Amino acid sequence: MKEHMKPLDWKRWEQGVFALEMQRPWSDLLLNSEKTIETRAYALPQALLNKKIYILQTKEGSTASSLENRLSVQENPDVKLIGWCVFRSIKEYTSELEFRADEHAHRVQRGNSFDWNPSTTSVIYGWVIYQVGGEFSELTGTRTAVRRMRSLFELI
């Protein structure tokens, strides 16, 4: 199996240290507690619920990941470790009506590239945020981020 395509039940989800790639302004909204649900096209592995996940901030841009599958966090000018969050549960939005009802929480406005698309969207996952923080002094030394699933990276 490719190192950047791990399944939801991969055992290292329980033991590793992970980071989520997020573009600005979404990452800032999350850390300021203005965004209380992070939306994704895929579910968060259950083992990462109630676990600290670091935030790798990337510049505003496209809907696709801008990062390589393996990178040095300190040496890449396009990424910055800015804080952490803990997700407590996962919602499944299976209709546009459900998705719109939580716009105040996920902050994805109508017409945004991350918006519900009636012709292609059947489900959007909402990762419900429990806690956020800006301190990460426990991460010492050079960190390599290795993509394990879409925008989830293991910090090694």
Protein backbone atom coordinates (compact mmCIF):
# COMPACT_ATOMS: atom_id res chain seq x y z
CA MET A 1 0.00 0.00 0.00
CA LYS A 2 1.23 3.49 -0.81
CA GLU A 3 2.48 5.45 2.20
CA HIS A 4 0.08 8.31 1.42
CA MET A 5 -3.07 6.18 1.08
CA LYS A 6 -3.73 4.59 4.48
CA PRO A 7 -7.17 3.11 5.27
CA LEU A 8 -9.47 4.42 8.01
CA ASP A 9 -8.62 1.41 10.21
CA TRP A 10 -4.81 1.72 9.88
CA LYS A 11 -3.26 0.95 13.30
CA ARG A 12 -0.85 3.94 13.31
CA TRP A 13 -3.82 6.35 13.51
CA GLU A 14 -3.95 5.36 17.18
CA GLN A 15 -0.24 5.88 17.94
CA GLY A 16 1.15 8.52 15.59
CA VAL A 17 1.25 12.32 15.73
CA PHE A 18 -0.85 13.86 12.96
CA ALA A 19 -1.45 17.19 11.29
CA LEU A 20 -4.20 18.46 9.03
CA GLU A 21 -3.39 20.63 6.04
CA MET A 22 -5.69 23.67 5.96
CA GLN A 23 -5.67 26.72 3.76
CA ARG A 24 -6.09 30.26 4.94
CA PRO A 25 -8.59 31.66 5.87
CA TRP A 26 -10.13 28.38 7.12
CA SER A 27 -7.21 27.62 9.43
CA ASP A 28 -7.41 31.08 11.03
CA LEU A 29 -11.17 30.77 11.51
CA LEU A 30 -10.70 27.38 13.18
CA LEU A 31 -8.01 28.59 15.60
CA ASN A 32 -10.06 31.70 16.44
CA SER A 33 -13.05 29.43 17.26
CA GLU A 34 -15.08 31.17 14.55
CA LYS A 35 -15.29 27.85 12.68
CA THR A 36 -16.59 24.98 14.81
CA ILE A 37 -16.99 22.35 12.08
CA GLU A 38 -14.32 21.47 9.51
CA THR A 39 -15.80 20.07 6.30
CA ARG A 40 -14.17 17.43 4.15
CA ALA A 41 -15.13 15.04 1.36
CA TYR A 42 -13.95 12.12 3.53
CA ALA A 43 -14.44 10.87 7.06
CA LEU A 44 -11.86 11.40 9.78
CA PRO A 45 -10.40 8.09 11.00
CA GLN A 46 -12.21 7.18 14.25
CA ALA A 47 -8.86 6.76 16.04
CA LEU A 48 -8.20 10.51 15.55
CA LEU A 49 -11.34 11.57 17.41
CA ASN A 50 -10.55 13.18 20.78
CA LYS A 51 -6.86 13.33 19.85
CA LYS A 52 -4.75 16.45 19.29
CA ILE A 53 -4.24 17.11 15.57
CA TYR A 54 -1.83 19.85 14.53
CA ILE A 55 -2.71 22.39 11.86
CA LEU A 56 -0.45 22.85 8.84
CA GLN A 57 -1.46 26.15 7.32
CA THR A 58 -1.04 26.63 3.58
CA LYS A 59 -1.80 29.65 1.45
CA GLU A 60 -5.23 30.34 0.08
CA GLY A 61 -5.79 28.79 -3.30
CA SER A 62 -7.32 25.80 -4.98
CA THR A 63 -9.39 22.96 -3.57
CA ALA A 64 -6.51 20.51 -4.10
CA SER A 65 -3.62 19.97 -1.73
CA SER A 66 -0.63 22.16 -2.50
CA LEU A 67 1.87 20.01 -0.59
CA GLU A 68 4.11 17.15 -1.60
CA ASN A 69 3.52 13.74 -0.04
CA ARG A 70 6.65 14.14 2.13
CA LEU A 71 8.11 17.45 3.29
CA SER A 72 10.14 19.12 5.99
CA VAL A 73 7.79 21.40 7.91
CA GLN A 74 10.58 23.82 8.92
CA GLU A 75 12.13 24.05 5.46
CA ASN A 76 9.00 24.48 3.32
CA PRO A 77 8.05 28.17 2.91
CA ASP A 78 4.52 27.21 1.77
CA VAL A 79 3.52 25.57 5.06
CA LYS A 80 3.44 26.74 8.67
CA LEU A 81 2.56 24.86 11.84
CA ILE A 82 0.13 27.23 13.58
CA GLY A 83 -1.69 25.31 16.31
CA TRP A 84 -3.82 22.27 17.02
CA CYS A 85 -7.39 21.11 17.44
CA VAL A 86 -9.35 18.16 18.79
CA PHE A 87 -12.35 16.78 16.90
CA ARG A 88 -15.06 15.19 19.03
CA SER A 89 -17.43 13.73 16.43
CA ILE A 90 -18.22 13.48 12.74
CA LYS A 91 -21.43 14.62 11.07
CA GLU A 92 -22.57 13.40 7.68
CA TYR A 93 -24.34 15.94 5.54
CA THR A 94 -26.38 14.00 3.01
CA SER A 95 -28.43 16.91 1.70
CA GLU A 96 -27.81 20.49 0.76
CA LEU A 97 -30.47 21.54 3.28
CA GLU A 98 -28.54 19.91 6.15
CA PHE A 99 -25.31 21.48 4.94
CA ARG A 100 -26.85 24.98 4.71
CA ALA A 101 -28.32 24.65 8.21
CA ASP A 102 -24.79 24.49 9.68
CA GLU A 103 -23.25 27.27 7.58
CA HIS A 104 -22.75 29.36 10.73
CA ALA A 105 -20.53 26.56 12.10
CA HIS A 106 -18.55 25.42 9.03
CA ARG A 107 -18.44 28.90 7.41
CA VAL A 108 -18.59 27.56 3.84
CA GLN A 109 -20.76 30.07 2.02
CA ARG A 110 -22.88 29.45 -1.03
CA GLY A 111 -20.77 29.55 -4.20
CA ASN A 112 -17.45 28.80 -2.47
CA SER A 113 -15.33 26.09 -4.11
CA PHE A 114 -15.90 23.93 -0.99
CA ASP A 115 -19.69 24.41 -1.17
CA TRP A 116 -22.29 21.70 -1.69
CA ASN A 117 -22.57 20.99 -5.42
CA PRO A 118 -25.99 19.48 -6.26
CA SER A 119 -24.65 17.79 -9.39
CA THR A 120 -21.64 16.06 -7.79
CA THR A 121 -22.04 16.00 -3.99
CA SER A 122 -23.73 13.11 -2.20
CA VAL A 123 -22.10 13.53 1.22
CA ILE A 124 -19.88 16.03 3.01
CA TYR A 125 -18.34 15.13 6.36
CA GLY A 126 -18.35 17.66 9.17
CA TRP A 127 -15.59 17.18 11.74
CA VAL A 128 -16.97 18.78 14.91
CA ILE A 129 -14.30 20.76 16.76
CA TYR A 130 -14.06 20.35 20.52
CA GLN A 131 -10.87 22.24 21.43
CA VAL A 132 -8.26 24.45 19.76
CA GLY A 133 -4.91 25.82 20.84
CA GLY A 134 -1.89 27.70 19.58
CA GLU A 135 0.83 26.13 21.70
CA PHE A 136 2.77 23.15 20.42
CA SER A 137 6.00 23.22 22.41
CA GLU A 138 5.85 19.41 22.72
CA LEU A 139 6.83 19.21 19.02
CA THR A 140 10.60 19.58 19.15
CA GLY A 141 13.27 19.07 16.53
CA THR A 142 12.93 18.85 12.80
CA ARG A 143 9.62 17.45 11.69
CA THR A 144 8.90 15.62 8.47
CA ALA A 145 5.27 15.50 7.40
CA VAL A 146 4.25 12.37 5.50
CA ARG A 147 0.87 12.30 3.80
CA ARG A 148 -1.17 9.39 5.11
CA MET A 149 -4.62 10.22 3.73
CA ARG A 150 -5.60 13.17 1.56
CA SER A 151 -4.81 16.19 3.78
CA LEU A 152 -3.82 14.22 6.89
CA PHE A 153 -0.07 14.02 7.52
CA GLU A 154 1.89 12.03 10.06
CA LEU A 155 4.57 14.12 11.79
CA ILE A 156 7.72 12.05 12.25
